[in-house]
Protein backbone atom coordinates (compact mmCIF):
# COMPACT_ATOMS: atom_id res chain seq x y z
CA MET A 1 0.00 0.00 0.00
CA PHE A 2 2.66 2.51 1.01
CA THR A 3 5.98 2.32 -0.73
CA GLU A 4 8.26 3.16 2.18
CA THR A 5 8.17 0.97 5.27
CA ARG A 6 10.15 0.53 8.45
CA GLN A 7 10.49 -2.48 10.72
CA HIS A 8 8.51 -2.16 13.95
CA GLY A 9 8.63 -4.83 16.62
CA LEU A 10 9.35 -8.41 15.66
CA LEU A 11 7.28 -8.97 12.53
CA GLU A 12 5.10 -5.92 11.90
CA THR A 13 6.03 -3.60 9.07
CA VAL A 14 4.38 -0.20 9.25
CA PRO A 15 4.50 2.64 6.74
CA ALA A 16 7.25 5.19 7.22
CA ARG A 17 5.62 8.41 8.33
CA THR A 18 7.06 10.67 5.70
CA PHE A 19 5.42 13.47 3.76
CA ALA A 20 5.54 11.36 0.58
CA THR A 21 3.73 8.42 2.16
CA LEU A 22 1.21 10.82 3.74
CA MET A 23 0.37 12.05 0.24
CA GLU A 24 -0.07 8.43 -0.85
CA LEU A 25 -2.43 7.93 2.10
CA TYR A 26 -4.42 11.02 1.02
CA GLU A 27 -4.70 9.52 -2.48
CA ASN A 28 -5.96 6.22 -1.06
CA ASN A 29 -8.49 8.09 1.09
CA TYR A 30 -9.75 9.86 -2.03
CA ILE A 31 -10.29 6.55 -3.83
CA LEU A 32 -12.19 5.17 -0.84
CA ILE A 33 -14.39 8.25 -0.30
CA ARG A 34 -15.27 8.25 -4.01
CA ARG A 35 -16.24 4.58 -3.74
CA LEU A 36 -18.43 5.50 -0.77
CA ALA A 37 -19.96 8.56 -2.47
CA PRO A 38 -19.45 8.36 -6.26
CA SER A 39 -21.55 11.49 -6.94
CA LEU A 40 -19.95 13.53 -4.16
CA GLN A 41 -19.43 16.67 -6.25
CA ALA A 42 -23.18 16.82 -7.01
CA MET A 43 -24.30 16.19 -3.42
CA ASP A 44 -25.48 18.74 -0.89
CA GLY A 45 -27.19 18.61 2.49
CA GLU A 46 -27.35 15.54 4.69
CA HIS A 47 -27.43 11.89 3.61
CA VAL A 48 -27.74 8.61 5.50
CA SER A 49 -26.51 5.20 4.40
CA ARG A 50 -28.49 2.40 6.02
CA VAL A 51 -27.30 -1.21 5.96
CA ALA A 52 -29.10 -4.02 7.78
CA GLY A 53 -27.21 -5.01 10.91
CA ALA A 54 -24.91 -1.96 10.81
CA VAL A 55 -24.94 1.46 12.39
CA ASP A 56 -26.22 4.17 10.02
CA LEU A 57 -23.50 6.24 8.39
CA HIS A 58 -24.20 9.97 8.08
CA LEU A 59 -22.63 12.30 5.54
CA GLN A 60 -23.22 16.04 5.70
CA VAL A 61 -21.88 18.25 2.91
CA LEU A 62 -20.57 21.37 4.63
CA GLU A 63 -19.30 23.15 1.53
CA GLN A 64 -19.05 22.59 -2.21
CA THR A 65 -16.74 24.55 -4.50
CA PRO A 66 -15.76 23.71 -8.07
CA TYR A 67 -12.62 21.88 -6.89
CA THR A 68 -13.32 20.81 -3.30
CA SER A 69 -15.96 19.32 -1.02
CA ALA A 70 -15.98 19.68 2.76
CA LEU A 71 -17.84 16.95 4.65
CA LEU A 72 -18.74 15.68 8.06
CA LEU A 73 -18.80 11.88 8.17
CA THR A 74 -19.98 10.05 11.29
CA HIS A 75 -22.02 7.36 12.95
CA TYR A 76 -24.68 8.38 15.49
CA PHE A 77 -24.90 6.08 18.49
CA ARG A 78 -28.03 6.09 20.63
CA ARG A 79 -27.22 6.43 24.31
CA ALA A 80 -29.61 6.72 27.24
CA GLU A 81 -28.32 10.21 28.09
CA ALA A 82 -27.90 11.54 24.52
CA ASP A 83 -27.00 10.54 20.98
CA THR A 84 -23.30 10.74 20.27
CA ALA A 85 -21.60 11.31 16.94
CA GLN A 86 -18.45 9.28 16.54
CA PRO A 87 -15.96 9.58 15.08
CA GLY A 88 -17.29 12.83 13.58
CA LEU A 89 -14.51 13.46 11.08
CA GLN A 90 -14.45 16.66 9.06
CA LEU A 91 -12.93 15.99 5.66
CA ARG A 92 -11.82 17.99 2.67
CA VAL A 93 -11.86 16.29 -0.71
CA TYR A 94 -9.73 17.95 -3.39
CA HIS A 95 -11.30 16.73 -6.63
CA ASP A 96 -8.67 18.26 -8.91
CA ALA A 97 -5.72 16.81 -6.96
CA ARG A 98 -7.62 13.59 -6.15
CA VAL A 99 -6.79 13.59 -2.44
CA CYS A 100 -8.84 13.54 0.76
CA GLU A 101 -7.70 14.56 4.23
CA VAL A 102 -9.04 14.95 7.76
CA LEU A 103 -9.36 18.66 8.55
CA PRO A 104 -7.62 20.18 11.59
CA GLU A 105 -11.02 21.45 12.79
CA THR A 106 -11.97 17.84 13.63
CA ASP A 107 -12.48 17.37 17.37
CA VAL A 108 -10.10 14.58 18.35
CA SER A 109 -10.57 14.85 22.12
CA HIS A 110 -12.46 11.53 22.19
CA PHE A 111 -9.70 9.70 20.29
CA ASN A 112 -7.02 7.91 22.24
CA LEU A 113 -4.50 7.60 19.45
CA TRP A 114 -1.56 8.97 21.39
CA SER A 115 -2.19 7.65 24.92
CA GLY A 116 -3.14 11.08 26.23
CA ARG A 117 -0.19 12.85 24.58
CA ASN A 118 -1.86 14.57 21.65
CA PRO A 119 0.67 16.03 19.21
CA PRO A 120 0.07 19.57 18.02
CA CYS A 121 -2.60 19.84 15.36
CA LYS A 122 -1.39 19.93 11.75
CA THR A 123 1.92 18.20 12.51
CA LEU A 124 2.99 15.28 10.37
CA GLU A 125 2.32 12.88 13.27
CA TRP A 126 -1.21 14.29 13.80
CA ARG A 127 -2.03 14.11 10.09
CA TRP A 128 -0.64 10.59 9.78
CA GLU A 129 -2.62 9.12 12.66
CA LEU A 130 -5.95 10.78 11.80
CA ASN A 131 -5.72 10.00 8.09
CA ARG A 132 -4.63 6.43 8.76
CA PHE A 133 -7.68 6.10 11.03
CA LEU A 134 -9.85 7.57 8.23
CA ASN A 135 -8.42 5.04 5.78
CA ARG A 136 -9.23 2.10 8.03
CA TRP A 137 -12.68 3.46 8.87
CA LEU A 138 -13.59 4.03 5.21
CA ARG A 139 -12.52 0.46 4.42
CA TYR A 140 -14.68 -0.78 7.29
CA CYS A 141 -17.71 1.24 6.14
CA LEU A 142 -17.34 -0.06 2.58
CA SER A 143 -16.96 -3.63 3.82
CA GLU A 144 -20.27 -3.25 5.68
CA GLY A 145 -21.90 -2.24 2.40
CA HIS A 146 -22.32 1.49 3.07
CA ALA A 147 -22.68 3.76 0.05
CA PHE A 148 -24.21 7.13 -0.72
CA THR A 149 -26.03 6.68 -4.00
CA SER A 150 -29.56 7.57 -5.04
CA ARG A 151 -30.53 3.92 -4.57
CA LEU A 152 -28.91 3.30 -1.17
CA ALA A 153 -28.85 6.67 0.59
CA GLY A 154 -31.67 8.73 1.86
CA THR A 155 -31.81 12.34 2.87
CA GLY A 156 -31.90 12.63 6.59
């Protein structure tokens, strides 16, 4: 998946966290978000993907420009005290460059990616962890059968 790797632990090989491999991750995220929402550039408002046996996936288009889309992508979990949106990622899709990234405005306080030691926002480490999470989450959503198309998604 990522061209540069480094040895970590006994057997695990993880991607080197370089700027070049981060750009490759952004490209992969773009491919996955376009699989999830093929007509993204034409979408506006709020959409819900419902799959039997899975938690509904919500997509809200925050902004559309000729070259970019800003989105909020989340699951809503019903709790006794209140509904919670998790993970609640704000994304920017750059259609001309064919990349997708998690925006720094995303609230990551509920994530425990760094064992309580959150790196400063916008650093390479921050971008790597959040966009790697996005990549895995998009793969999971697609594997559950989620999609935002006129046939499978409703306006919510």
